[in-house]
Amino acid sequence: MTAVALRKITTSPPHPAAVVLGPKADAAKARFETGYRRVRAPEWLMSVIACVMGLAAFVAVWAVIAKFGGRIPDPLTVGAAAAKIFADPFYSKGPNDQGIGWNVVSSLKRVGIGFGLAALVGIPLGFVIGRFRFAAGMAAPIIALLKPVSPLAWLPIGLLVFKAANPAAIWVIFICSLWPMIVNTAVGVRQIPQDYLNVARVLNLSEWKVFTKILLPAVLPYMLTGVRLSIGVAWLVIVAAEMLTGGVGIGFWVWDEWNNLKVDHILIAIFVIGIVGLVLEQALIFVAKRVSHGVSV
């Protein structure tokens, strides 16, 4: 009798949380024991839903700003204007009156030429700077001095040297695309373990063998990162350069629409610029993954 009374005195009452959670815990245990599993949505579906919700929120905020912000056109107005523009994007009524398609093509041509020239110069130069310490010492102050300069600051130099707007714009693209390729390629060369180069030296490999068998495979992810950064900067700069130089191009098209006070066309051009830039970047990422066999770039 004393022992029973003692057990009743020392036994503590159940915790309030246990009273609430007890049935739920028992039900969860029962579902687990019967093989029930919670089904999660696929990752791609969640990504699509998140993307759609983000775009919907963006359009909603845009509509509110357009309603209370004065002269900003609303999404429906811009959509109607876009339907008219893209109904015939490649019309041509003279050198200064062409569809938005021809303007984008002209800008891409300038970017392609300037970017290609920068790759031909910047990638080999990056290999040399990363490979040889003396060359790195020579190039370091020049890169440190010129890399922070705004690309548009080079535009007057291009106009002075080439005396024409089109090559001056290509010159600006060349300069702004050069630095990411040089720096990233040189960094990739420096990341190669010294043991690899020591083995190549012991085997008396030529510089060409060292380049093709050791340097290039190891540096490729870094080099492609520099290429991807360069194409983004090039597409960013060409718009501003064309606003200043004129002619045919998406930048000039934006400035011309501003002079005509067509704000809806300016917003359309902004979306076109963003979409083209996104396509360029994703294309380079795809190529980089294929070439580097899935290595992160």
Protein backbone atom coordinates (compact mmCIF):
# COMPACT_ATOMS: atom_id res chain seq x y z
CA MET A 1 0.00 0.00 0.00
CA THR A 2 2.82 2.37 0.84
CA ALA A 3 4.63 1.56 -2.41
CA VAL A 4 1.50 2.22 -4.47
CA ALA A 5 0.95 5.52 -2.74
CA LEU A 6 4.58 6.49 -3.28
CA ARG A 7 4.32 5.77 -7.03
CA LYS A 8 1.21 7.92 -7.27
CA ILE A 9 2.95 10.79 -5.53
CA THR A 10 6.16 10.67 -7.63
CA THR A 11 4.48 10.19 -11.04
CA SER A 12 4.32 13.61 -12.78
CA PRO A 13 1.26 14.57 -14.87
CA PRO A 14 1.61 14.48 -18.68
CA HIS A 15 2.94 17.60 -20.38
CA PRO A 16 0.22 19.72 -22.03
CA ALA A 17 2.01 19.48 -25.37
CA ALA A 18 1.97 15.71 -25.15
CA VAL A 19 -1.79 15.77 -24.71
CA VAL A 20 -2.19 17.86 -27.90
CA LEU A 21 0.46 16.21 -30.05
CA GLY A 22 -0.15 12.67 -28.88
CA PRO A 23 -3.01 11.83 -31.30
CA LYS A 24 -1.16 13.50 -34.21
CA ALA A 25 2.02 11.61 -33.43
CA ASP A 26 0.11 8.33 -33.26
CA ALA A 27 -1.58 9.05 -36.60
CA ALA A 28 1.74 9.92 -38.24
CA LYS A 29 3.26 6.73 -36.90
CA ALA A 30 0.35 4.72 -38.22
CA ARG A 31 0.67 6.24 -41.71
CA PHE A 32 4.40 5.58 -41.73
CA GLU A 33 3.93 1.96 -40.69
CA THR A 34 1.30 1.37 -43.40
CA GLY A 35 3.71 2.64 -46.09
CA TYR A 36 2.18 6.10 -46.56
CA ARG A 37 4.62 8.68 -47.91
CA ARG A 38 4.11 12.39 -48.49
CA VAL A 39 4.33 13.16 -52.21
CA ARG A 40 6.41 16.22 -53.10
CA ALA A 41 6.00 18.18 -56.31
CA PRO A 42 8.82 17.81 -58.86
CA GLU A 43 11.57 20.40 -58.72
CA TRP A 44 10.90 21.60 -62.27
CA LEU A 45 7.25 22.18 -61.44
CA MET A 46 8.15 24.23 -58.37
CA SER A 47 10.60 26.25 -60.49
CA VAL A 48 7.91 26.95 -63.10
CA ILE A 49 5.39 27.96 -60.44
CA ALA A 50 7.91 30.26 -58.77
CA CYS A 51 8.79 31.84 -62.12
CA VAL A 52 5.15 32.40 -63.04
CA MET A 53 4.36 33.89 -59.62
CA GLY A 54 7.37 36.19 -59.87
CA LEU A 55 6.33 37.44 -63.31
CA ALA A 56 2.75 37.90 -62.12
CA ALA A 57 3.94 39.95 -59.15
CA PHE A 58 6.13 42.04 -61.46
CA VAL A 59 3.23 42.76 -63.82
CA ALA A 60 0.97 43.61 -60.88
CA VAL A 61 3.47 46.10 -59.46
CA TRP A 62 3.95 47.55 -62.93
CA ALA A 63 0.19 48.01 -63.34
CA VAL A 64 -0.07 49.79 -59.98
CA ILE A 65 2.83 52.10 -60.84
CA ALA A 66 1.30 52.83 -64.25
CA LYS A 67 -2.07 53.66 -62.66
CA PHE A 68 -0.70 56.05 -60.07
CA GLY A 69 2.66 57.01 -61.58
CA GLY A 70 1.64 59.34 -64.39
CA ARG A 71 3.15 58.74 -67.84
CA ILE A 72 4.28 55.11 -67.49
CA PRO A 73 2.09 53.00 -69.82
CA ASP A 74 0.32 50.00 -68.34
CA PRO A 75 1.03 46.37 -69.39
CA LEU A 76 -2.00 46.18 -71.70
CA THR A 77 -0.92 49.28 -73.63
CA VAL A 78 2.61 47.97 -73.99
CA GLY A 79 1.31 44.56 -75.07
CA ALA A 80 -0.85 46.13 -77.80
CA ALA A 81 2.12 48.19 -79.04
CA ALA A 82 4.32 45.09 -79.01
CA ALA A 83 1.80 43.22 -81.15
CA LYS A 84 2.03 45.97 -83.78
CA ILE A 85 5.83 46.14 -83.66
CA PHE A 86 6.38 42.40 -83.92
CA ALA A 87 3.79 42.04 -86.66
CA ASP A 88 6.52 43.27 -89.04
CA PRO A 89 9.84 43.47 -87.16
CA PHE A 90 11.99 43.44 -90.30
CA TYR A 91 10.50 46.24 -92.36
CA SER A 92 12.88 48.73 -93.97
CA LYS A 93 11.87 52.22 -95.10
CA GLY A 94 15.31 53.74 -95.30
CA PRO A 95 18.58 53.73 -93.34
CA ASN A 96 17.04 55.44 -90.31
CA ASP A 97 13.61 53.80 -90.35
CA GLN A 98 13.90 50.04 -89.87
CA GLY A 99 12.09 47.47 -87.79
CA ILE A 100 13.24 46.41 -84.37
CA GLY A 101 14.46 43.10 -85.79
CA TRP A 102 17.01 44.78 -88.06
CA ASN A 103 18.15 46.97 -85.17
CA VAL A 104 18.79 43.94 -82.98
CA VAL A 105 20.65 42.19 -85.82
CA SER A 106 22.87 45.26 -86.33
CA SER A 107 23.70 45.39 -82.63
CA LEU A 108 24.49 41.67 -82.57
CA LYS A 109 26.84 42.10 -85.53
CA ARG A 110 28.80 44.80 -83.70
CA VAL A 111 28.90 42.71 -80.55
CA GLY A 112 30.03 39.64 -82.48
CA ILE A 113 32.89 41.47 -84.21
CA GLY A 114 34.13 43.27 -81.11
CA PHE A 115 33.71 40.20 -78.92
CA GLY A 116 35.48 37.95 -81.43
CA LEU A 117 38.44 40.30 -81.69
CA ALA A 118 38.64 40.50 -77.90
CA ALA A 119 38.68 36.70 -77.67
CA LEU A 120 41.47 36.46 -80.25
CA VAL A 121 43.59 38.89 -78.21
CA GLY A 122 42.48 38.35 -74.62
CA ILE A 123 42.56 34.55 -74.31
CA PRO A 124 46.14 34.05 -75.62
CA LEU A 125 47.29 37.05 -73.60
CA GLY A 126 45.71 35.53 -70.48
CA PHE A 127 47.62 32.28 -71.07
CA VAL A 128 50.90 34.19 -71.40
CA ILE A 129 50.25 36.29 -68.28
CA GLY A 130 49.31 33.25 -66.23
CA ARG A 131 52.16 31.11 -67.55
CA PHE A 132 55.09 33.51 -67.18
CA ARG A 133 55.67 35.49 -64.00
CA PHE A 134 57.63 38.24 -65.76
CA ALA A 135 54.78 38.83 -68.24
CA ALA A 136 52.33 38.95 -65.34
CA GLY A 137 54.46 41.59 -63.65
CA MET A 138 54.50 43.67 -66.82
CA ALA A 139 50.76 43.41 -67.41
CA ALA A 140 49.59 43.88 -63.80
CA PRO A 141 49.92 47.70 -63.62
CA ILE A 142 48.38 48.17 -67.06
CA ILE A 143 45.37 46.00 -66.24
CA ALA A 144 44.96 47.62 -62.82
CA LEU A 145 45.02 51.07 -64.44
CA LEU A 146 42.74 50.49 -67.44
CA LYS A 147 40.29 47.84 -66.22
CA PRO A 148 38.24 50.23 -63.99
CA VAL A 149 37.77 52.76 -66.82
CA SER A 150 34.19 53.07 -68.03
CA PRO A 151 33.80 51.53 -71.51
CA LEU A 152 32.09 54.66 -72.82
CA ALA A 153 35.18 56.69 -71.94
CA TRP A 154 36.89 54.86 -74.83
CA LEU A 155 34.28 55.99 -77.35
CA PRO A 156 35.87 59.38 -78.13
CA ILE A 157 39.20 57.62 -78.73
CA GLY A 158 37.48 55.31 -81.20
CA LEU A 159 35.83 58.21 -82.99
CA LEU A 160 39.17 60.02 -83.16
CA VAL A 161 41.07 57.04 -84.54
CA PHE A 162 38.47 55.48 -86.85
CA LYS A 163 36.52 58.66 -87.76
CA ALA A 164 33.29 56.63 -88.05
CA ALA A 165 30.58 55.60 -85.61
CA ASN A 166 30.36 51.90 -86.47
CA PRO A 167 34.05 50.97 -85.92
CA ALA A 168 34.10 53.21 -82.84
CA ALA A 169 31.24 51.17 -81.32
CA ILE A 170 33.06 47.94 -82.18
CA TRP A 171 36.19 49.38 -80.54
CA VAL A 172 34.26 49.99 -77.30
CA ILE A 173 32.97 46.40 -77.36
CA PHE A 174 36.49 45.13 -77.90
CA ILE A 175 37.88 47.06 -74.93
CA CYS A 176 35.12 46.14 -72.47
CA SER A 177 35.22 42.45 -73.48
CA LEU A 178 38.99 42.18 -73.20
CA TRP A 179 39.54 42.37 -69.44
CA PRO A 180 37.30 39.52 -68.20
CA MET A 181 38.91 37.12 -70.69
CA ILE A 182 42.45 38.12 -69.75
CA VAL A 183 41.87 38.02 -66.00
CA ASN A 184 39.88 34.77 -65.84
CA THR A 185 42.22 32.92 -68.20
CA ALA A 186 45.29 34.05 -66.25
CA VAL A 187 43.68 33.02 -62.95
CA GLY A 188 42.90 29.60 -64.39
CA VAL A 189 46.51 29.09 -65.47
CA ARG A 190 47.76 30.04 -62.01
CA GLN A 191 45.44 27.49 -60.39
CA ILE A 192 47.19 24.58 -62.13
CA PRO A 193 49.23 22.55 -59.58
CA GLN A 194 52.94 23.20 -59.92
CA ASP A 195 53.59 19.45 -59.83
CA TYR A 196 52.01 19.10 -63.27
CA LEU A 197 54.35 21.70 -64.73
CA ASN A 198 57.33 20.13 -62.96
CA VAL A 199 56.53 16.76 -64.53
CA ALA A 200 56.26 18.44 -67.94
CA ARG A 201 59.66 20.02 -67.39
CA VAL A 202 61.20 16.68 -66.41
CA LEU A 203 59.74 15.08 -69.55
CA ASN A 204 61.10 17.96 -71.66
CA LEU A 205 57.70 18.71 -73.13
CA SER A 206 57.53 21.60 -75.55
CA GLU A 207 55.43 24.67 -74.73
CA TRP A 208 52.88 23.54 -77.30
CA LYS A 209 52.56 20.15 -75.56
CA VAL A 210 52.26 21.87 -72.19
CA PHE A 211 49.57 24.12 -73.60
CA THR A 212 47.49 21.43 -75.29
CA LYS A 213 47.90 18.62 -72.73
CA ILE A 214 48.03 20.50 -69.42
CA LEU A 215 47.05 24.15 -69.62
CA LEU A 216 44.05 24.12 -71.95
CA PRO A 217 42.04 21.29 -70.30
CA ALA A 218 42.59 22.75 -66.82
CA VAL A 219 41.96 26.38 -67.79
CA LEU A 220 38.88 25.76 -69.94
CA PRO A 221 36.25 26.33 -67.18
CA TYR A 222 37.92 29.61 -66.14
CA MET A 223 38.27 30.71 -69.75
CA LEU A 224 34.61 30.02 -70.50
CA THR A 225 33.60 31.99 -67.40
CA GLY A 226 35.54 34.95 -68.76
CA VAL A 227 33.83 34.54 -72.13
CA ARG A 228 30.40 34.48 -70.49
CA LEU A 229 31.14 37.61 -68.47
CA SER A 230 32.50 39.36 -71.54
CA ILE A 231 29.45 38.72 -73.70
CA GLY A 232 27.19 40.09 -70.95
CA VAL A 233 29.25 43.25 -70.62
CA ALA A 234 29.45 43.64 -74.40
CA TRP A 235 25.68 43.47 -74.85
CA LEU A 236 25.25 45.90 -71.96
CA VAL A 237 27.66 48.46 -73.41
CA ILE A 238 26.55 48.35 -77.05
CA VAL A 239 23.16 49.83 -76.14
CA ALA A 240 24.76 52.87 -74.52
CA ALA A 241 27.34 53.23 -77.29
CA GLU A 242 24.67 53.20 -80.00
CA MET A 243 22.71 55.88 -78.19
CA LEU A 244 25.72 58.16 -78.61
CA THR A 245 26.87 57.13 -82.08
CA GLY A 246 23.49 56.79 -83.84
CA GLY A 247 22.85 54.71 -86.93
CA VAL A 248 21.03 51.38 -86.90
CA GLY A 249 20.99 49.45 -83.63
CA ILE A 250 18.80 48.72 -80.65
CA GLY A 251 20.42 51.52 -78.65
CA PHE A 252 19.73 54.06 -81.36
CA TRP A 253 16.19 52.69 -81.67
CA VAL A 254 15.59 53.36 -77.96
CA TRP A 255 16.93 56.90 -78.25
CA ASP A 256 14.87 57.57 -81.38
CA GLU A 257 11.70 56.38 -79.66
CA TRP A 258 12.49 58.65 -76.72
CA ASN A 259 12.75 61.61 -79.09
CA ASN A 260 9.32 60.61 -80.41
CA LEU A 261 8.02 60.33 -76.82
CA LYS A 262 6.92 56.73 -77.35
CA VAL A 263 7.48 55.37 -73.87
CA ASP A 264 5.67 52.12 -74.64
CA HIS A 265 8.19 51.40 -77.40
CA ILE A 266 11.05 52.11 -74.99
CA LEU A 267 9.67 49.55 -72.55
CA ILE A 268 9.36 47.03 -75.38
CA ALA A 269 13.00 47.67 -76.29
CA ILE A 270 14.03 47.14 -72.67
CA PHE A 271 12.37 43.73 -72.64
CA VAL A 272 13.93 42.84 -76.01
CA ILE A 273 17.38 43.81 -74.74
CA GLY A 274 16.88 41.69 -71.63
CA ILE A 275 15.62 38.67 -73.57
CA VAL A 276 18.48 38.80 -76.07
CA GLY A 277 21.02 39.13 -73.26
CA LEU A 278 19.45 36.18 -71.44
CA VAL A 279 19.55 34.04 -74.59
CA LEU A 280 23.21 34.89 -75.20
CA GLU A 281 24.19 34.03 -71.63
CA GLN A 282 22.23 30.77 -71.56
CA ALA A 283 23.67 29.73 -74.92
CA LEU A 284 27.20 30.26 -73.63
CA ILE A 285 26.40 28.35 -70.43
CA PHE A 286 25.10 25.46 -72.54
CA VAL A 287 28.22 25.46 -74.71
CA ALA A 288 30.46 25.71 -71.65
CA LYS A 289 28.84 22.69 -70.00
CA ARG A 290 29.12 20.65 -73.18
CA VAL A 291 32.75 21.57 -73.77
CA SER A 292 33.91 21.26 -70.16
CA HIS A 293 31.95 18.01 -69.59
CA GLY A 294 29.77 19.38 -66.83
CA VAL A 295 32.47 21.20 -64.87
CA SER A 296 31.01 24.19 -63.06
CA VAL A 297 31.69 27.42 -64.93
